[in-house]
């Protein structure tokens, strides 16, 4: 499906970069499972509200460490290869646009919505910030694309991690029953049982 990309890569950057993308997947999956369960259980509980929000904010920050500002994050995807940076950028963007259906302008708009949310709400707080929460489906698509792309960049090197998309599905299956049980217990405690 994808061709191998031959280039030198910075192993230390990769060792820090990939976990951030995986943590993004963790936090977004937890956010979605908790938010859905919380809504379905019709609870009013400050602990769960703050926990749910914290997962979304952490997901935002982790995603932006890899896909946000390239000149201030040593873990940005562009930092993966210094010697082959032009080839790296070209391969990432071409594949990203093809895989996600975005073009340069729509990517820029989406990127700005994510980085603005991070810069003006998640990591810092601008009192006048009123923009809506970005749609995280595209951020997840970008993470899945990165996973496939980076495996080609580091080839012939490999690492013992499942594909992020299958990991996310497995994580969701394991966390939903846990969330259900925790929210049931929360309801019982709130009702004095």
N, C-alpha and C. Protein backbone atom coordinates (compact mmCIF):
# COMPACT_ATOMS: atom_id res chain seq x y z
N UNK A 1 0.82 -1.19 0.00
CA UNK A 1 0.00 0.00 0.00
C UNK A 1 0.87 1.26 0.00
N UNK A 2 1.81 1.34 0.94
CA UNK A 2 2.71 2.49 1.01
C UNK A 2 4.10 2.05 0.59
N UNK A 3 4.82 2.95 0.00
CA UNK A 3 6.20 2.63 -0.36
C UNK A 3 7.13 3.00 0.79
N UNK A 4 8.26 2.32 0.87
CA UNK A 4 9.26 2.61 1.89
C UNK A 4 9.90 3.95 1.56
N UNK A 5 10.18 4.72 2.58
CA UNK A 5 10.84 6.01 2.42
C UNK A 5 12.25 5.84 2.96
N UNK A 6 13.25 6.06 2.13
CA UNK A 6 14.62 5.87 2.57
C UNK A 6 15.21 7.21 3.00
N UNK A 7 15.50 7.33 4.28
CA UNK A 7 16.13 8.55 4.80
C UNK A 7 16.71 8.27 6.17
N UNK A 8 17.58 9.16 6.57
CA UNK A 8 18.13 9.10 7.92
C UNK A 8 17.11 9.73 8.86
N UNK A 9 16.92 9.11 10.02
CA UNK A 9 15.99 9.69 10.98
C UNK A 9 16.66 9.80 12.34
N UNK A 10 16.15 10.70 13.14
CA UNK A 10 16.66 10.95 14.49
C UNK A 10 15.96 10.00 15.46
N UNK A 11 16.67 8.97 15.90
CA UNK A 11 16.08 7.94 16.76
C UNK A 11 15.55 8.52 18.07
N UNK A 12 16.28 9.47 18.64
CA UNK A 12 15.85 10.07 19.91
C UNK A 12 14.53 10.84 19.73
N UNK A 13 14.39 11.52 18.62
CA UNK A 13 13.13 12.22 18.34
C UNK A 13 12.00 11.20 18.23
N UNK A 14 12.24 10.16 17.46
CA UNK A 14 11.21 9.12 17.29
C UNK A 14 10.81 8.52 18.63
N UNK A 15 11.79 8.20 19.48
CA UNK A 15 11.51 7.57 20.78
C UNK A 15 10.64 8.45 21.67
N UNK A 16 10.66 9.74 21.46
CA UNK A 16 9.82 10.66 22.23
C UNK A 16 8.53 11.01 21.48
N UNK A 17 8.60 11.01 20.19
CA UNK A 17 7.48 11.43 19.35
C UNK A 17 6.36 10.39 19.31
N UNK A 18 6.71 9.15 19.04
CA UNK A 18 5.67 8.12 18.90
C UNK A 18 4.82 7.98 20.17
N UNK A 19 5.41 7.93 21.37
CA UNK A 19 4.57 7.83 22.57
C UNK A 19 3.58 8.99 22.71
N UNK A 20 3.97 10.18 22.28
CA UNK A 20 3.03 11.30 22.36
C UNK A 20 1.80 11.06 21.49
N UNK A 21 2.03 10.52 20.30
CA UNK A 21 0.90 10.22 19.41
C UNK A 21 0.05 9.12 20.04
N UNK A 22 0.69 8.11 20.62
CA UNK A 22 -0.06 7.04 21.28
C UNK A 22 -0.82 7.57 22.49
N UNK A 23 -0.22 8.45 23.27
CA UNK A 23 -0.92 9.04 24.42
C UNK A 23 -2.11 9.87 23.96
N UNK A 24 -1.96 10.56 22.83
CA UNK A 24 -3.10 11.27 22.26
C UNK A 24 -4.25 10.29 22.03
N UNK A 25 -3.95 9.13 21.44
CA UNK A 25 -4.99 8.13 21.18
C UNK A 25 -5.60 7.64 22.49
N UNK A 26 -4.77 7.38 23.50
CA UNK A 26 -5.29 6.99 24.81
C UNK A 26 -6.27 8.04 25.33
N UNK A 27 -5.81 9.27 25.43
CA UNK A 27 -6.63 10.31 26.05
C UNK A 27 -7.90 10.60 25.26
N UNK A 28 -7.83 10.59 23.94
CA UNK A 28 -9.03 10.82 23.15
C UNK A 28 -10.01 9.66 23.32
N UNK A 29 -9.52 8.44 23.35
CA UNK A 29 -10.38 7.27 23.56
C UNK A 29 -11.03 7.34 24.93
N UNK A 30 -10.26 7.67 25.96
CA UNK A 30 -10.82 7.80 27.31
C UNK A 30 -11.85 8.92 27.36
N UNK A 31 -11.52 10.05 26.76
CA UNK A 31 -12.46 11.18 26.72
C UNK A 31 -13.79 10.75 26.10
N UNK A 32 -13.72 10.11 24.95
CA UNK A 32 -14.94 9.74 24.24
C UNK A 32 -15.76 8.70 25.01
N UNK A 33 -15.10 7.71 25.57
CA UNK A 33 -15.82 6.68 26.33
C UNK A 33 -16.46 7.28 27.58
N UNK A 34 -15.71 8.10 28.30
CA UNK A 34 -16.24 8.73 29.51
C UNK A 34 -17.36 9.71 29.19
N UNK A 35 -17.18 10.52 28.17
CA UNK A 35 -18.19 11.51 27.81
C UNK A 35 -19.51 10.84 27.41
N UNK A 36 -19.40 9.81 26.60
CA UNK A 36 -20.59 9.08 26.16
C UNK A 36 -21.29 8.41 27.35
N UNK A 37 -20.53 7.72 28.17
CA UNK A 37 -21.11 7.06 29.34
C UNK A 37 -21.73 8.04 30.32
N UNK A 38 -21.05 9.14 30.53
CA UNK A 38 -21.53 10.17 31.46
C UNK A 38 -22.86 10.73 30.97
N UNK A 39 -22.95 11.02 29.69
CA UNK A 39 -24.18 11.54 29.11
C UNK A 39 -25.30 10.51 29.22
N UNK A 40 -25.00 9.27 28.89
CA UNK A 40 -26.01 8.21 28.95
C UNK A 40 -26.49 7.95 30.38
N UNK A 41 -25.62 8.11 31.37
CA UNK A 41 -26.01 7.89 32.77
C UNK A 41 -26.70 9.12 33.37
N UNK A 42 -26.69 10.22 32.64
CA UNK A 42 -27.36 11.47 33.07
C UNK A 42 -26.95 11.87 34.49
N UNK A 43 -25.64 11.88 34.67
CA UNK A 43 -25.13 12.23 35.99
C UNK A 43 -24.68 13.68 36.03
N UNK A 44 -24.67 14.22 37.21
CA UNK A 44 -24.11 15.54 37.48
C UNK A 44 -23.05 15.31 38.56
N UNK A 45 -21.80 15.27 38.14
CA UNK A 45 -20.75 14.94 39.08
C UNK A 45 -19.48 15.70 38.69
N UNK A 46 -19.05 16.56 39.58
CA UNK A 46 -17.89 17.41 39.30
C UNK A 46 -16.63 16.59 39.00
N UNK A 47 -16.42 15.50 39.74
CA UNK A 47 -15.25 14.66 39.51
C UNK A 47 -15.22 14.17 38.06
N UNK A 48 -16.34 13.64 37.57
CA UNK A 48 -16.36 13.11 36.21
C UNK A 48 -16.27 14.21 35.17
N UNK A 49 -16.90 15.34 35.43
CA UNK A 49 -16.81 16.47 34.48
C UNK A 49 -15.36 16.91 34.32
N UNK A 50 -14.67 17.09 35.43
CA UNK A 50 -13.27 17.52 35.37
C UNK A 50 -12.36 16.44 34.78
N UNK A 51 -12.63 15.19 35.08
CA UNK A 51 -11.84 14.09 34.53
C UNK A 51 -12.01 14.00 33.01
N UNK A 52 -13.25 14.10 32.56
CA UNK A 52 -13.54 14.05 31.13
C UNK A 52 -12.84 15.20 30.41
N UNK A 53 -12.99 16.41 30.94
CA UNK A 53 -12.34 17.57 30.33
C UNK A 53 -10.82 17.43 30.31
N UNK A 54 -10.25 16.89 31.38
CA UNK A 54 -8.80 16.74 31.47
C UNK A 54 -8.27 15.82 30.36
N UNK A 55 -9.01 14.77 30.04
CA UNK A 55 -8.57 13.89 28.96
C UNK A 55 -8.57 14.61 27.61
N UNK A 56 -9.57 15.44 27.35
CA UNK A 56 -9.60 16.16 26.08
C UNK A 56 -8.47 17.19 26.01
N UNK A 57 -8.23 17.88 27.09
CA UNK A 57 -7.16 18.88 27.11
C UNK A 57 -5.79 18.22 26.93
N UNK A 58 -5.58 17.09 27.61
CA UNK A 58 -4.31 16.37 27.47
C UNK A 58 -4.14 15.82 26.05
N UNK A 59 -5.21 15.33 25.46
CA UNK A 59 -5.16 14.85 24.07
C UNK A 59 -4.74 15.98 23.15
N UNK A 60 -5.29 17.15 23.37
CA UNK A 60 -4.96 18.33 22.55
C UNK A 60 -3.48 18.66 22.65
N UNK A 61 -2.99 18.71 23.86
CA UNK A 61 -1.59 19.07 24.09
C UNK A 61 -0.65 18.04 23.47
N UNK A 62 -0.95 16.76 23.67
CA UNK A 62 -0.09 15.71 23.10
C UNK A 62 -0.08 15.78 21.57
N UNK A 63 -1.25 15.96 20.96
CA UNK A 63 -1.34 16.05 19.49
C UNK A 63 -0.50 17.23 18.99
N UNK A 64 -0.62 18.35 19.67
CA UNK A 64 0.11 19.55 19.24
C UNK A 64 1.61 19.44 19.43
N UNK A 65 2.08 18.61 20.35
CA UNK A 65 3.52 18.43 20.51
C UNK A 65 4.14 17.79 19.28
N UNK A 66 3.34 17.03 18.53
CA UNK A 66 3.85 16.37 17.33
C UNK A 66 3.39 17.07 16.06
N UNK A 67 2.19 17.62 16.04
CA UNK A 67 1.65 18.20 14.82
C UNK A 67 1.44 19.70 14.89
N UNK A 68 1.75 20.32 16.02
CA UNK A 68 1.54 21.76 16.19
C UNK A 68 2.69 22.57 15.61
N UNK A 69 3.22 23.47 16.40
CA UNK A 69 4.27 24.39 15.95
C UNK A 69 5.61 23.68 15.80
N UNK A 70 6.15 23.70 14.59
CA UNK A 70 7.38 22.95 14.31
C UNK A 70 8.64 23.62 14.85
N UNK A 71 8.62 24.92 15.06
CA UNK A 71 9.85 25.57 15.50
C UNK A 71 9.97 25.66 17.02
N UNK A 72 8.95 25.24 17.76
CA UNK A 72 9.07 25.29 19.22
C UNK A 72 8.95 23.92 19.88
N UNK A 73 8.68 22.89 19.11
CA UNK A 73 8.55 21.55 19.67
C UNK A 73 9.62 20.61 19.12
N UNK A 74 10.53 20.16 19.97
CA UNK A 74 11.56 19.22 19.49
C UNK A 74 10.96 17.87 19.12
N UNK A 75 9.70 17.64 19.48
CA UNK A 75 9.03 16.38 19.15
C UNK A 75 8.13 16.51 17.92
N UNK A 76 8.17 17.64 17.24
CA UNK A 76 7.35 17.83 16.03
C UNK A 76 7.77 16.84 14.95
N UNK A 77 6.84 16.41 14.12
CA UNK A 77 7.14 15.42 13.08
C UNK A 77 8.26 15.89 12.15
N UNK A 78 8.38 17.19 11.92
CA UNK A 78 9.43 17.70 11.03
C UNK A 78 10.83 17.51 11.62
N UNK A 79 10.92 17.30 12.91
CA UNK A 79 12.22 17.12 13.56
C UNK A 79 12.75 15.69 13.42
N UNK A 80 11.96 14.81 12.81
CA UNK A 80 12.33 13.41 12.69
C UNK A 80 13.58 13.20 11.83
N UNK A 81 13.81 14.09 10.87
CA UNK A 81 15.03 14.00 10.06
C UNK A 81 15.53 15.39 9.74
N UNK A 82 16.72 15.67 10.17
CA UNK A 82 17.34 16.96 9.89
C UNK A 82 18.04 16.91 8.53
N UNK A 83 18.73 15.82 8.26
CA UNK A 83 19.50 15.72 7.02
C UNK A 83 18.62 15.53 5.79
N UNK A 84 17.45 14.93 5.96
CA UNK A 84 16.54 14.68 4.84
C UNK A 84 15.22 15.42 5.04
N UNK A 85 15.27 16.62 5.60
CA UNK A 85 14.05 17.31 5.98
C UNK A 85 13.14 17.65 4.80
N UNK A 86 13.70 17.99 3.67
CA UNK A 86 12.87 18.32 2.51
C UNK A 86 12.08 17.09 2.05
N UNK A 87 12.76 15.96 1.94
CA UNK A 87 12.09 14.72 1.54
C UNK A 87 11.04 14.31 2.59
N UNK A 88 11.39 14.48 3.86
CA UNK A 88 10.49 14.14 4.96
C UNK A 88 9.20 14.96 4.85
N UNK A 89 9.33 16.26 4.70
CA UNK A 89 8.15 17.14 4.61
C UNK A 89 7.30 16.79 3.41
N UNK A 90 7.93 16.56 2.29
CA UNK A 90 7.20 16.23 1.07
C UNK A 90 6.42 14.93 1.24
N UNK A 91 7.07 13.90 1.76
CA UNK A 91 6.40 12.61 1.91
C UNK A 91 5.24 12.70 2.91
N UNK A 92 5.45 13.44 4.01
CA UNK A 92 4.39 13.56 5.01
C UNK A 92 3.18 14.27 4.43
N UNK A 93 3.40 15.42 3.83
CA UNK A 93 2.28 16.21 3.32
C UNK A 93 1.53 15.52 2.19
N UNK A 94 2.27 14.96 1.23
CA UNK A 94 1.61 14.28 0.12
C UNK A 94 0.73 13.13 0.63
N UNK A 95 1.27 12.34 1.51
CA UNK A 95 0.51 11.21 2.05
C UNK A 95 -0.65 11.67 2.93
N UNK A 96 -0.42 12.70 3.72
CA UNK A 96 -1.48 13.22 4.58
C UNK A 96 -2.66 13.71 3.75
N UNK A 97 -2.38 14.48 2.71
CA UNK A 97 -3.44 15.02 1.88
C UNK A 97 -4.20 13.90 1.16
N UNK A 98 -3.45 12.93 0.68
CA UNK A 98 -4.08 11.81 -0.03
C UNK A 98 -4.92 10.97 0.93
N UNK A 99 -4.40 10.70 2.11
CA UNK A 99 -5.08 9.84 3.07
C UNK A 99 -6.31 10.50 3.70
N UNK A 100 -6.19 11.77 4.05
CA UNK A 100 -7.28 12.44 4.77
C UNK A 100 -8.25 13.17 3.85
N UNK A 101 -7.85 13.41 2.61
CA UNK A 101 -8.70 14.17 1.70
C UNK A 101 -8.57 15.67 1.88
N UNK A 102 -7.69 16.09 2.75
CA UNK A 102 -7.45 17.52 2.95
C UNK A 102 -6.55 18.04 1.84
N UNK A 103 -6.65 19.34 1.58
CA UNK A 103 -5.67 19.99 0.72
C UNK A 103 -4.88 20.94 1.62
N UNK A 104 -3.95 21.66 1.04
CA UNK A 104 -3.07 22.52 1.84
C UNK A 104 -3.87 23.55 2.66
N UNK A 105 -4.87 24.16 2.05
CA UNK A 105 -5.66 25.17 2.75
C UNK A 105 -6.52 24.57 3.87
N UNK A 106 -7.18 23.46 3.58
CA UNK A 106 -8.03 22.87 4.62
C UNK A 106 -7.19 22.29 5.76
N UNK A 107 -5.99 21.79 5.45
CA UNK A 107 -5.08 21.34 6.51
C UNK A 107 -4.68 22.54 7.38
N UNK A 108 -4.35 23.63 6.74
CA UNK A 108 -3.94 24.83 7.48
C UNK A 108 -5.06 25.31 8.41
N UNK A 109 -6.29 25.31 7.90
CA UNK A 109 -7.42 25.73 8.73
C UNK A 109 -7.62 24.78 9.91
N UNK A 110 -7.54 23.48 9.63
CA UNK A 110 -7.73 22.52 10.72
C UNK A 110 -6.59 22.64 11.73
N UNK A 111 -5.36 22.73 11.23
CA UNK A 111 -4.20 22.87 12.09
C UNK A 111 -4.35 24.11 12.99
N UNK A 112 -4.82 25.21 12.42
CA UNK A 112 -5.01 26.43 13.21
C UNK A 112 -6.08 26.25 14.28
N UNK A 113 -7.15 25.51 13.96
CA UNK A 113 -8.19 25.28 14.98
C UNK A 113 -7.63 24.47 16.15
N UNK A 114 -6.80 23.49 15.86
CA UNK A 114 -6.20 22.67 16.92
C UNK A 114 -5.17 23.46 17.72
N UNK A 115 -4.29 24.17 17.03
CA UNK A 115 -3.25 24.91 17.76
C UNK A 115 -3.85 26.10 18.51
N UNK A 116 -4.88 26.72 17.96
CA UNK A 116 -5.55 27.80 18.70
C UNK A 116 -6.20 27.25 19.97
N UNK A 117 -6.86 26.11 19.86
CA UNK A 117 -7.49 25.50 21.03
C UNK A 117 -6.44 25.16 22.08
N UNK A 118 -5.30 24.66 21.64
CA UNK A 118 -4.21 24.36 22.57
C UNK A 118 -3.64 25.64 23.17
N UNK A 119 -3.31 26.59 22.32
CA UNK A 119 -2.62 27.81 22.78
C UNK A 119 -3.51 28.74 23.58
N UNK A 120 -4.79 28.79 23.25
CA UNK A 120 -5.67 29.78 23.86
C UNK A 120 -6.63 29.20 24.88
N UNK A 121 -6.65 27.86 25.02
CA UNK A 121 -7.57 27.27 25.99
C UNK A 121 -6.95 26.12 26.79
N UNK A 122 -6.35 25.15 26.12
CA UNK A 122 -5.87 23.95 26.82
C UNK A 122 -4.61 24.20 27.64
N UNK A 123 -3.61 24.85 27.06
CA UNK A 123 -2.34 25.06 27.75
C UNK A 123 -2.26 26.45 28.39
N UNK A 124 -2.95 27.39 27.81
CA UNK A 124 -3.01 28.76 28.32
C UNK A 124 -4.47 29.17 28.29
N UNK A 125 -4.81 30.31 28.80
CA UNK A 125 -6.21 30.69 28.81
C UNK A 125 -6.35 32.14 28.40
N UNK A 126 -6.98 32.34 27.25
CA UNK A 126 -7.36 33.68 26.83
C UNK A 126 -8.81 33.88 27.23
N UNK A 127 -9.06 34.94 27.96
CA UNK A 127 -10.41 35.16 28.48
C UNK A 127 -11.44 35.33 27.37
N UNK A 128 -11.03 35.87 26.24
CA UNK A 128 -11.96 36.12 25.15
C UNK A 128 -12.08 34.95 24.17
N UNK A 129 -11.41 33.83 24.45
CA UNK A 129 -11.44 32.70 23.51
C UNK A 129 -12.82 32.05 23.52
N UNK A 130 -13.50 32.10 22.39
CA UNK A 130 -14.86 31.57 22.30
C UNK A 130 -15.01 30.57 21.15
N UNK A 131 -13.93 30.17 20.52
CA UNK A 131 -14.01 29.23 19.40
C UNK A 131 -14.52 27.88 19.88
N UNK A 132 -15.22 27.16 19.00
CA UNK A 132 -15.70 25.83 19.40
C UNK A 132 -14.55 24.83 19.53
N UNK A 133 -14.81 23.77 20.27
CA UNK A 133 -13.84 22.69 20.38
C UNK A 133 -13.69 22.07 18.99
N UNK A 134 -12.45 21.89 18.53
CA UNK A 134 -12.25 21.29 17.19
C UNK A 134 -12.84 19.88 17.12
N UNK A 135 -13.13 19.44 15.92
CA UNK A 135 -13.57 18.07 15.69
C UNK A 135 -12.34 17.18 15.74
N UNK A 136 -12.30 16.26 16.67
CA UNK A 136 -11.11 15.42 16.86
C UNK A 136 -11.05 14.21 15.95
N UNK A 137 -12.07 14.01 15.12
CA UNK A 137 -12.00 12.90 14.16
C UNK A 137 -10.82 13.10 13.21
N UNK A 138 -10.63 14.34 12.75
CA UNK A 138 -9.51 14.60 11.84
C UNK A 138 -8.17 14.45 12.56
N UNK A 139 -8.09 14.90 13.80
CA UNK A 139 -6.84 14.72 14.57
C UNK A 139 -6.51 13.24 14.70
N UNK A 140 -7.52 12.42 14.89
CA UNK A 140 -7.30 10.98 14.99
C UNK A 140 -6.86 10.41 13.64
N UNK A 141 -7.45 10.88 12.57
CA UNK A 141 -7.02 10.44 11.23
C UNK A 141 -5.57 10.81 10.96
N UNK A 142 -5.17 11.99 11.41
CA UNK A 142 -3.78 12.43 11.26
C UNK A 142 -2.85 11.52 12.07
N UNK A 143 -3.26 11.16 13.28
CA UNK A 143 -2.46 10.26 14.12
C UNK A 143 -2.31 8.89 13.46
N UNK A 144 -3.40 8.37 12.91
CA UNK A 144 -3.33 7.08 12.23
C UNK A 144 -2.45 7.17 10.99
N UNK A 145 -2.56 8.27 10.26
CA UNK A 145 -1.69 8.45 9.09
C UNK A 145 -0.22 8.48 9.53
N UNK A 146 0.07 9.27 10.56
CA UNK A 146 1.44 9.37 11.09
C UNK A 146 1.98 7.98 11.41
N UNK A 147 1.18 7.15 12.06
CA UNK A 147 1.62 5.82 12.45
C UNK A 147 2.07 5.02 11.23
N UNK A 148 1.29 5.03 10.18
CA UNK A 148 1.67 4.31 8.96
C UNK A 148 2.90 4.93 8.30
N UNK A 149 2.92 6.24 8.26
CA UNK A 149 4.02 6.98 7.63
C UNK A 149 5.34 6.77 8.37
N UNK A 150 5.32 6.88 9.69
CA UNK A 150 6.57 6.81 10.45
C UNK A 150 7.19 5.42 10.38
N UNK A 151 6.37 4.41 10.25
CA UNK A 151 6.89 3.05 10.11
C UNK A 151 7.69 2.91 8.81
N UNK A 152 7.28 3.65 7.80
CA UNK A 152 8.04 3.62 6.54
C UNK A 152 9.31 4.47 6.66
N UNK A 153 9.22 5.57 7.39
CA UNK A 153 10.38 6.45 7.56
C UNK A 153 11.51 5.74 8.29
N UNK A 154 11.19 4.99 9.33
CA UNK A 154 12.24 4.35 10.13
C UNK A 154 12.67 3.00 9.56
N UNK A 155 11.99 2.51 8.53
CA UNK A 155 12.34 1.23 7.92
C UNK A 155 13.78 1.27 7.40
N UNK A 156 14.55 0.23 7.58
CA UNK A 156 14.18 -1.13 7.96
C UNK A 156 14.04 -1.35 9.47
N UNK A 157 14.26 -0.31 10.28
CA UNK A 157 14.04 -0.45 11.72
C UNK A 157 12.55 -0.66 11.96
N UNK A 158 12.25 -1.37 13.03
CA UNK A 158 10.87 -1.61 13.43
C UNK A 158 10.74 -1.42 14.93
N UNK A 159 9.53 -1.46 15.42
CA UNK A 159 9.31 -1.41 16.86
C UNK A 159 8.09 -2.26 17.18
N UNK A 160 8.04 -2.76 18.39
CA UNK A 160 7.01 -3.72 18.80
C UNK A 160 5.77 -3.00 19.30
N UNK A 161 5.08 -2.35 18.41
CA UNK A 161 3.84 -1.67 18.75
C UNK A 161 2.81 -2.04 17.70
N UNK A 162 1.58 -2.34 18.12
CA UNK A 162 0.54 -2.59 17.12
C UNK A 162 0.19 -1.28 16.40
N UNK A 163 -0.43 -1.40 15.24
CA UNK A 163 -0.90 -0.21 14.53
C UNK A 163 -1.82 0.57 15.48
N UNK A 164 -1.72 1.87 15.47
CA UNK A 164 -2.51 2.69 16.39
C UNK A 164 -4.02 2.52 16.19
N UNK A 165 -4.44 2.32 14.97
CA UNK A 165 -5.88 2.17 14.73
C UNK A 165 -6.41 0.90 15.39
N UNK A 166 -5.71 -0.22 15.26
CA UNK A 166 -6.16 -1.45 15.92
C UNK A 166 -5.99 -1.33 17.44
N UNK A 167 -4.94 -0.64 17.89
CA UNK A 167 -4.76 -0.40 19.31
C UNK A 167 -5.94 0.38 19.88
N UNK A 168 -6.39 1.41 19.17
CA UNK A 168 -7.50 2.25 19.64
C UNK A 168 -8.79 1.43 19.74
N UNK A 169 -9.03 0.58 18.78
CA UNK A 169 -10.24 -0.26 18.83
C UNK A 169 -10.19 -1.20 20.03
N UNK A 170 -9.05 -1.80 20.26
CA UNK A 170 -8.88 -2.69 21.40
C UNK A 170 -9.03 -1.93 22.71
N UNK A 171 -8.44 -0.76 22.78
CA UNK A 171 -8.54 0.08 23.98
C UNK A 171 -9.99 0.45 24.25
N UNK A 172 -10.70 0.84 23.23
CA UNK A 172 -12.10 1.22 23.40
C UNK A 172 -12.92 0.04 23.93
N UNK A 173 -12.69 -1.13 23.38
CA UNK A 173 -13.43 -2.32 23.84
C UNK A 173 -13.14 -2.62 25.31
N UNK A 174 -11.93 -2.36 25.74
CA UNK A 174 -11.58 -2.66 27.14
C UNK A 174 -12.03 -1.57 28.10
N UNK A 175 -12.11 -0.33 27.64
CA UNK A 175 -12.41 0.76 28.56
C UNK A 175 -13.92 0.99 28.73
N UNK A 176 -14.72 0.70 27.73
CA UNK A 176 -16.16 0.95 27.82
C UNK A 176 -16.80 0.20 29.00
N UNK A 177 -16.53 -1.11 29.18
CA UNK A 177 -17.12 -1.79 30.34
C UNK A 177 -16.64 -1.21 31.68
N UNK A 178 -15.40 -0.79 31.73
CA UNK A 178 -14.87 -0.18 32.94
C UNK A 178 -15.59 1.13 33.24
N UNK A 179 -15.76 1.95 32.22
CA UNK A 179 -16.47 3.22 32.39
C UNK A 179 -17.90 2.97 32.87
N UNK A 180 -18.57 2.00 32.25
CA UNK A 180 -19.95 1.67 32.66
C UNK A 180 -20.00 1.30 34.14
N UNK A 181 -19.08 0.46 34.57
CA UNK A 181 -19.06 0.02 35.97
C UNK A 181 -18.78 1.20 36.91
N UNK A 182 -17.80 2.02 36.55
CA UNK A 182 -17.47 3.17 37.40
C UNK A 182 -18.63 4.17 37.50
N UNK A 183 -19.30 4.40 36.40
CA UNK A 183 -20.44 5.33 36.43
C UNK A 183 -21.63 4.74 37.17
N UNK A 184 -21.82 3.42 37.06
CA UNK A 184 -22.87 2.77 37.85
C UNK A 184 -22.59 2.94 39.34
N UNK A 185 -21.35 2.70 39.75
CA UNK A 185 -20.97 2.86 41.16
C UNK A 185 -21.15 4.31 41.60
N UNK A 186 -20.77 5.24 40.74
CA UNK A 186 -20.95 6.66 41.07
C UNK A 186 -22.42 6.97 41.31
N UNK A 187 -23.29 6.43 40.47
CA UNK A 187 -24.73 6.63 40.64
C UNK A 187 -25.23 6.04 41.93
N UNK A 188 -24.74 4.85 42.29
CA UNK A 188 -25.14 4.21 43.54
C UNK A 188 -24.70 5.02 44.74
N UNK A 189 -23.47 5.53 44.70
CA UNK A 189 -22.97 6.34 45.82
C UNK A 189 -23.78 7.63 45.93
N UNK A 190 -24.07 8.26 44.79
CA UNK A 190 -24.84 9.51 44.81
C UNK A 190 -26.26 9.29 45.34
N UNK A 191 -26.80 8.11 45.13
CA UNK A 191 -28.15 7.81 45.60
C UNK A 191 -28.17 7.16 46.99
N UNK A 192 -27.00 7.10 47.63
CA UNK A 192 -26.90 6.60 48.99
C UNK A 192 -27.03 5.09 49.14
N UNK A 193 -26.76 4.37 48.08
CA UNK A 193 -26.85 2.89 48.17
C UNK A 193 -25.53 2.28 48.55
